Amino acid sequence: STGLNGRSSLRRVYLATGKVAQQVAVPEQDFAEVLALVADRLYQLTWQSHAGFIYDLADLSQEGGFTFDGEGWGLCYDGERLVRSDGSADLIFHDPADFKETGRVTVSLDGAPQERINELECVDDAVYANVWQTDRILRIDPRTGAVTAEIDASGLLGDDERAAADVLNGIAYDPEPQRFFITGKLWPKLFEVRFVP
């Protein structure tokens, strides 16, 4: 899912080369943000348009859409519900059938709310989230909101690359080899990483 008004899209990309194999444009007025896979459907949220789109995984055809309150900063699927972030300290839970809110929890680090929760990835019983405008990724217990680990993702880009790039805000997980991918807005690379103590 790529962003910016007039440039947002949904893309299928070859992992090894970054070459775009298929691309679907998002309406010009919408700034697309996040993407989550639920069975054979992709859910894409916009940042501030209060709109979401549903696509068929096989051919990326749009199957429908929905509206929601607030902003779309991050989205992942935990096997039962969609988990959304809106830039606050909250994780917001939604029913995938109709995107109705079903609950929320405040993310806390050392007992204090952690604001600016951004991109999300659901892995096993945890939610991984980056903190906007930082190179920190948090592992969160979605039942309590407690941060159970912090990951330092600084140093991935060289100085020249960082000068032309924006914030870290891409986290994806491939369960088969148990590997994470990290990238960011206008980053020239996608990194394959493993999180270690």
C-alpha atoms as a PDB file:
ATOM      1  CA  SER A   1       0.000   0.000   0.000  1.00  0.00           C
ATOM      2  CA  THR A   2       1.548   3.310  -1.060  1.00  0.00           C
ATOM      3  CA  GLY A   3       0.504   6.789   0.015  1.00  0.00           C
ATOM      4  CA  LEU A   4       0.265  10.455  -0.965  1.00  0.00           C
ATOM      5  CA  ASN A   5      -2.752  12.116  -2.534  1.00  0.00           C
ATOM      6  CA  GLY A   6      -2.906  11.446  -6.247  1.00  0.00           C
ATOM      7  CA  ARG A   7      -0.158   8.795  -5.999  1.00  0.00           C
ATOM      8  CA  SER A   8      -1.690   6.183  -3.686  1.00  0.00           C
ATOM      9  CA  SER A   9      -1.989   2.618  -4.888  1.00  0.00           C
ATOM     10  CA  LEU A  10      -2.208  -1.040  -4.063  1.00  0.00           C
ATOM     11  CA  ARG A  11       0.683  -2.993  -5.561  1.00  0.00           C
ATOM     12  CA  ARG A  12       1.857  -6.547  -6.008  1.00  0.00           C
ATOM     13  CA  VAL A  13       5.660  -6.428  -6.053  1.00  0.00           C
ATOM     14  CA  TYR A  14       8.385  -8.976  -6.746  1.00  0.00           C
ATOM     15  CA  LEU A  15      10.262  -9.322  -3.474  1.00  0.00           C
ATOM     16  CA  ALA A  16      13.690 -10.007  -4.976  1.00  0.00           C
ATOM     17  CA  THR A  17      13.740  -7.033  -7.359  1.00  0.00           C
ATOM     18  CA  GLY A  18      11.108  -4.561  -6.155  1.00  0.00           C
ATOM     19  CA  LYS A  19       9.600  -4.559  -9.642  1.00  0.00           C
ATOM     20  CA  VAL A  20       5.871  -3.813  -9.656  1.00  0.00           C
ATOM     21  CA  ALA A  21       3.938  -6.749 -11.125  1.00  0.00           C
ATOM     22  CA  GLN A  22       0.461  -5.251 -10.715  1.00  0.00           C
ATOM     23  CA  GLN A  23      -0.862  -1.884  -9.555  1.00  0.00           C
ATOM     24  CA  VAL A  24      -4.321  -0.555  -8.707  1.00  0.00           C
ATOM     25  CA  ALA A  25      -4.811   3.190  -8.289  1.00  0.00           C
ATOM     26  CA  VAL A  26      -6.587   4.623  -5.252  1.00  0.00           C
ATOM     27  CA  PRO A  27      -8.923   7.626  -5.835  1.00  0.00           C
ATOM     28  CA  GLU A  28      -6.922  10.838  -6.146  1.00  0.00           C
ATOM     29  CA  GLN A  29      -8.510  12.451  -3.083  1.00  0.00           C
ATOM     30  CA  ASP A  30      -7.443   9.582  -0.811  1.00  0.00           C
ATOM     31  CA  PHE A  31      -4.076   9.181   0.926  1.00  0.00           C
ATOM     32  CA  ALA A  32      -3.774   5.403   1.284  1.00  0.00           C
ATOM     33  CA  GLU A  33      -1.901   4.120   4.282  1.00  0.00           C
ATOM     34  CA  VAL A  34      -2.131   0.574   5.557  1.00  0.00           C
ATOM     35  CA  LEU A  35      -2.986  -2.916   4.391  1.00  0.00           C
ATOM     36  CA  ALA A  36      -4.050  -6.128   6.146  1.00  0.00           C
ATOM     37  CA  LEU A  37      -4.791  -9.607   4.815  1.00  0.00           C
ATOM     38  CA  VAL A  38      -7.965 -11.352   6.035  1.00  0.00           C
ATOM     39  CA  ALA A  39      -8.428 -14.786   4.400  1.00  0.00           C
ATOM     40  CA  ASP A  40      -8.518 -13.993   0.655  1.00  0.00           C
ATOM     41  CA  ARG A  41      -9.221 -10.273   1.007  1.00  0.00           C
ATOM     42  CA  LEU A  42      -7.026  -7.227   1.476  1.00  0.00           C
ATOM     43  CA  TYR A  43      -8.244  -4.337   3.650  1.00  0.00           C
ATOM     44  CA  GLN A  44      -6.698  -0.943   2.882  1.00  0.00           C
ATOM     45  CA  LEU A  45      -7.277   2.169   4.998  1.00  0.00           C
ATOM     46  CA  THR A  46      -6.834   5.812   4.122  1.00  0.00           C
ATOM     47  CA  TRP A  47      -5.095   8.217   6.443  1.00  0.00           C
ATOM     48  CA  GLN A  48      -7.718  10.968   6.892  1.00  0.00           C
ATOM     49  CA  SER A  49     -10.518  10.291   4.372  1.00  0.00           C
ATOM     50  CA  HIS A  50     -12.346   7.940   6.781  1.00  0.00           C
ATOM     51  CA  ALA A  51     -12.526   5.427   3.924  1.00  0.00           C
ATOM     52  CA  GLY A  52     -11.439   1.833   3.575  1.00  0.00           C
ATOM     53  CA  PHE A  53     -11.289  -0.450   0.551  1.00  0.00           C
ATOM     54  CA  ILE A  54     -11.575  -4.228   0.237  1.00  0.00           C
ATOM     55  CA  TYR A  55      -9.788  -6.076  -2.575  1.00  0.00           C
ATOM     56  CA  ASP A  56      -9.696  -9.660  -3.787  1.00  0.00           C
ATOM     57  CA  LEU A  57      -6.246 -11.099  -3.084  1.00  0.00           C
ATOM     58  CA  ALA A  58      -6.090 -13.118  -6.309  1.00  0.00           C
ATOM     59  CA  ASP A  59      -6.558 -10.311  -8.843  1.00  0.00           C
ATOM     60  CA  LEU A  60      -6.620  -7.121  -6.703  1.00  0.00           C
ATOM     61  CA  SER A  61     -10.100  -6.254  -7.934  1.00  0.00           C
ATOM     62  CA  GLN A  62     -12.001  -3.983  -5.539  1.00  0.00           C
ATOM     63  CA  GLU A  63     -14.822  -5.864  -3.815  1.00  0.00           C
ATOM     64  CA  GLY A  64     -16.234  -3.069  -1.704  1.00  0.00           C
ATOM     65  CA  GLY A  65     -15.528  -0.323   0.745  1.00  0.00           C
ATOM     66  CA  PHE A  66     -16.509   1.101   4.100  1.00  0.00           C
ATOM     67  CA  THR A  67     -16.184   4.210   6.243  1.00  0.00           C
ATOM     68  CA  PHE A  68     -14.827   4.599   9.754  1.00  0.00           C
ATOM     69  CA  ASP A  69     -14.301   7.294  12.364  1.00  0.00           C
ATOM     70  CA  GLY A  70     -10.844   8.656  13.015  1.00  0.00           C
ATOM     71  CA  GLU A  71      -7.617   8.181  11.093  1.00  0.00           C
ATOM     72  CA  GLY A  72      -5.922   5.124   9.599  1.00  0.00           C
ATOM     73  CA  TRP A  73      -2.264   4.851  10.651  1.00  0.00           C
ATOM     74  CA  GLY A  74      -1.786   1.097  11.026  1.00  0.00           C
ATOM     75  CA  LEU A  75      -3.775  -2.100  10.494  1.00  0.00           C
ATOM     76  CA  CYS A  76      -3.240  -5.811  11.055  1.00  0.00           C
ATOM     77  CA  TYR A  77      -5.348  -8.942  11.495  1.00  0.00           C
ATOM     78  CA  ASP A  78      -4.883 -11.151  14.547  1.00  0.00           C
ATOM     79  CA  GLY A  79      -6.927 -14.076  13.212  1.00  0.00           C
ATOM     80  CA  GLU A  80     -10.205 -12.835  14.685  1.00  0.00           C
ATOM     81  CA  ARG A  81     -10.274  -9.048  14.507  1.00  0.00           C
ATOM     82  CA  LEU A  82      -8.646  -6.168  12.712  1.00  0.00           C
ATOM     83  CA  VAL A  83      -6.374  -4.031  14.892  1.00  0.00           C
ATOM     84  CA  ARG A  84      -6.042  -0.342  13.944  1.00  0.00           C
ATOM     85  CA  SER A  85      -3.866   2.526  15.123  1.00  0.00           C
ATOM     86  CA  ASP A  86      -4.737   6.198  14.687  1.00  0.00           C
ATOM     87  CA  GLY A  87      -1.594   7.967  15.913  1.00  0.00           C
ATOM     88  CA  SER A  88      -2.727   7.999  19.535  1.00  0.00           C
ATOM     89  CA  ALA A  89      -1.713   5.550  22.271  1.00  0.00           C
ATOM     90  CA  ASP A  90      -4.668   3.266  21.482  1.00  0.00           C
ATOM     91  CA  LEU A  91      -5.051   0.004  19.597  1.00  0.00           C
ATOM     92  CA  ILE A  92      -8.600  -0.102  18.226  1.00  0.00           C
ATOM     93  CA  PHE A  93     -10.275  -3.425  17.443  1.00  0.00           C
ATOM     94  CA  HIS A  94     -12.724  -3.931  14.544  1.00  0.00           C
ATOM     95  CA  ASP A  95     -14.966  -6.708  13.283  1.00  0.00           C
ATOM     96  CA  PRO A  96     -13.748  -7.642   9.768  1.00  0.00           C
ATOM     97  CA  ALA A  97     -17.334  -8.297   8.615  1.00  0.00           C
ATOM     98  CA  ASP A  98     -18.469  -4.665   8.935  1.00  0.00           C
ATOM     99  CA  PHE A  99     -15.466  -2.803  10.427  1.00  0.00           C
ATOM    100  CA  LYS A 100     -17.489  -1.848  13.517  1.00  0.00           C
ATOM    101  CA  GLU A 101     -15.358  -1.015  16.540  1.00  0.00           C
ATOM    102  CA  THR A 102     -15.427  -3.805  19.115  1.00  0.00           C
ATOM    103  CA  GLY A 103     -13.007  -2.406  21.702  1.00  0.00           C
ATOM    104  CA  ARG A 104      -9.732  -0.674  22.377  1.00  0.00           C
ATOM    105  CA  VAL A 105      -6.717  -0.779  24.660  1.00  0.00           C
ATOM    106  CA  THR A 106      -4.134   1.877  25.541  1.00  0.00           C
ATOM    107  CA  VAL A 107      -0.502   1.013  24.800  1.00  0.00           C
ATOM    108  CA  SER A 108       1.696   1.651  27.820  1.00  0.00           C
ATOM    109  CA  LEU A 109       5.457   1.683  28.251  1.00  0.00           C
ATOM    110  CA  ASP A 110       6.701   1.541  31.846  1.00  0.00           C
ATOM    111  CA  GLY A 111       3.196   2.477  33.000  1.00  0.00           C
ATOM    112  CA  ALA A 112       2.818   5.582  30.793  1.00  0.00           C
ATOM    113  CA  PRO A 113       0.745   5.837  27.588  1.00  0.00           C
ATOM    114  CA  GLN A 114       2.868   5.513  24.442  1.00  0.00           C
ATOM    115  CA  GLU A 115       1.585   8.015  21.882  1.00  0.00           C
ATOM    116  CA  ARG A 116       2.184   7.991  18.101  1.00  0.00           C
ATOM    117  CA  ILE A 117       1.555   4.270  17.564  1.00  0.00           C
ATOM    118  CA  ASN A 118       1.820   3.902  13.787  1.00  0.00           C
ATOM    119  CA  GLU A 119       2.341   0.913  11.468  1.00  0.00           C
ATOM    120  CA  LEU A 120       1.148  -2.460  12.869  1.00  0.00           C
ATOM    121  CA  GLU A 121       1.879  -6.139  12.275  1.00  0.00           C
ATOM    122  CA  CYS A 122       0.079  -8.942  14.134  1.00  0.00           C
ATOM    123  CA  VAL A 123       2.366 -11.907  14.861  1.00  0.00           C
ATOM    124  CA  ASP A 124       1.244 -14.814  17.047  1.00  0.00           C
ATOM    125  CA  ASP A 125      -0.165 -13.253  20.241  1.00  0.00           C
ATOM    126  CA  ALA A 126       1.582  -9.897  19.854  1.00  0.00           C
ATOM    127  CA  VAL A 127       1.222  -6.676  17.889  1.00  0.00           C
ATOM    128  CA  TYR A 128       4.390  -5.064  16.568  1.00  0.00           C
ATOM    129  CA  ALA A 129       4.178  -1.303  16.081  1.00  0.00           C
ATOM    130  CA  ASN A 130       6.591   1.421  15.189  1.00  0.00           C
ATOM    131  CA  VAL A 131       6.526   4.749  16.987  1.00  0.00           C
ATOM    132  CA  TRP A 132       6.065   7.498  14.410  1.00  0.00           C
ATOM    133  CA  GLN A 133       9.149   9.616  13.654  1.00  0.00           C
ATOM    134  CA  THR A 134      11.439   7.178  15.462  1.00  0.00           C
ATOM    135  CA  ASP A 135      13.359   4.026  14.566  1.00  0.00           C
ATOM    136  CA  ARG A 136      11.739   2.146  17.452  1.00  0.00           C
ATOM    137  CA  ILE A 137       9.469  -0.858  17.043  1.00  0.00           C
ATOM    138  CA  LEU A 138       7.468  -2.081  20.035  1.00  0.00           C
ATOM    139  CA  ARG A 139       6.127  -5.536  20.768  1.00  0.00           C
ATOM    140  CA  ILE A 140       2.743  -5.087  22.456  1.00  0.00           C
ATOM    141  CA  ASP A 141       0.470  -7.451  24.356  1.00  0.00           C
ATOM    142  CA  PRO A 142      -2.921  -6.594  22.785  1.00  0.00           C
ATOM    143  CA  ARG A 143      -4.837  -7.897  25.815  1.00  0.00           C
ATOM    144  CA  THR A 144      -3.290  -5.396  28.219  1.00  0.00           C
ATOM    145  CA  GLY A 145      -1.579  -2.831  25.958  1.00  0.00           C
ATOM    146  CA  ALA A 146       1.723  -3.380  27.783  1.00  0.00           C
ATOM    147  CA  VAL A 147       4.937  -3.067  25.765  1.00  0.00           C
ATOM    148  CA  THR A 148       6.824  -6.335  26.216  1.00  0.00           C
ATOM    149  CA  ALA A 149       9.923  -5.475  24.137  1.00  0.00           C
ATOM    150  CA  GLU A 150      11.549  -2.579  22.273  1.00  0.00           C
ATOM    151  CA  ILE A 151      13.470  -3.027  19.018  1.00  0.00           C
ATOM    152  CA  ASP A 152      16.093  -0.559  17.813  1.00  0.00           C
ATOM    153  CA  ALA A 153      15.851  -0.372  14.016  1.00  0.00           C
ATOM    154  CA  SER A 154      18.275   2.527  13.594  1.00  0.00           C
ATOM    155  CA  GLY A 155      21.331   2.092  11.430  1.00  0.00           C
ATOM    156  CA  LEU A 156      19.589   0.277   8.578  1.00  0.00           C
ATOM    157  CA  LEU A 157      20.075   3.169   6.165  1.00  0.00           C
ATOM    158  CA  GLY A 158      23.377   4.851   5.437  1.00  0.00           C
ATOM    159  CA  ASP A 159      23.712   8.618   5.906  1.00  0.00           C
ATOM    160  CA  ASP A 160      23.142   9.404   2.210  1.00  0.00           C
ATOM    161  CA  GLU A 161      20.113   7.097   2.047  1.00  0.00           C
ATOM    162  CA  ARG A 162      18.618   8.569   5.215  1.00  0.00           C
ATOM    163  CA  ALA A 163      18.943  12.116   3.875  1.00  0.00           C
ATOM    164  CA  ALA A 164      16.602  11.275   0.975  1.00  0.00           C
ATOM    165  CA  ALA A 165      14.217   9.065   2.997  1.00  0.00           C
ATOM    166  CA  ASP A 166      11.329   9.737   5.356  1.00  0.00           C
ATOM    167  CA  VAL A 167      10.161   7.818   8.443  1.00  0.00           C
ATOM    168  CA  LEU A 168      10.293   4.106   9.152  1.00  0.00           C
ATOM    169  CA  ASN A 169       6.721   2.873   8.803  1.00  0.00           C
ATOM    170  CA  GLY A 170       6.682  -0.507   7.089  1.00  0.00           C
ATOM    171  CA  ILE A 171       6.623  -3.786   9.020  1.00  0.00           C
ATOM    172  CA  ALA A 172       5.636  -7.132   7.488  1.00  0.00           C
ATOM    173  CA  TYR A 173       6.004 -10.724   8.662  1.00  0.00           C
ATOM    174  CA  ASP A 174       6.448 -13.916   6.665  1.00  0.00           C
ATOM    175  CA  PRO A 175       5.511 -16.833   8.964  1.00  0.00           C
ATOM    176  CA  GLU A 176       7.069 -19.685   6.975  1.00  0.00           C
ATOM    177  CA  PRO A 177      10.745 -18.754   7.475  1.00  0.00           C
ATOM    178  CA  GLN A 178       9.742 -16.524  10.442  1.00  0.00           C
ATOM    179  CA  ARG A 179      11.257 -13.362   9.053  1.00  0.00           C
ATOM    180  CA  PHE A 180      10.314  -9.711   9.288  1.00  0.00           C
ATOM    181  CA  PHE A 181      10.601  -7.057   6.597  1.00  0.00           C
ATOM    182  CA  ILE A 182      11.156  -3.390   7.448  1.00  0.00           C
ATOM    183  CA  THR A 183      11.001  -0.319   5.240  1.00  0.00           C
ATOM    184  CA  GLY A 184       9.747   3.263   5.340  1.00  0.00           C
ATOM    185  CA  LYS A 185       8.342   6.150   3.376  1.00  0.00           C
ATOM    186  CA  LEU A 186      10.590   6.862   0.383  1.00  0.00           C
ATOM    187  CA  TRP A 187      13.131   4.302   1.598  1.00  0.00           C
ATOM    188  CA  PRO A 188      15.314   2.931  -1.231  1.00  0.00           C
ATOM    189  CA  LYS A 189      15.415  -0.547   0.307  1.00  0.00           C
ATOM    190  CA  LEU A 190      13.351  -3.223   2.002  1.00  0.00           C
ATOM    191  CA  PHE A 191      15.258  -5.034   4.763  1.00  0.00           C
ATOM    192  CA  GLU A 192      14.812  -8.649   5.791  1.00  0.00           C
ATOM    193  CA  VAL A 193      15.512  -8.902   9.527  1.00  0.00           C
ATOM    194  CA  ARG A 194      15.242 -11.152  12.560  1.00  0.00           C
ATOM    195  CA  PHE A 195      14.542  -9.659  15.977  1.00  0.00           C
ATOM    196  CA  VAL A 196      16.969 -10.944  18.619  1.00  0.00           C
ATOM    197  CA  PRO A 197      17.381 -10.220  22.352  1.00  0.00           C
END
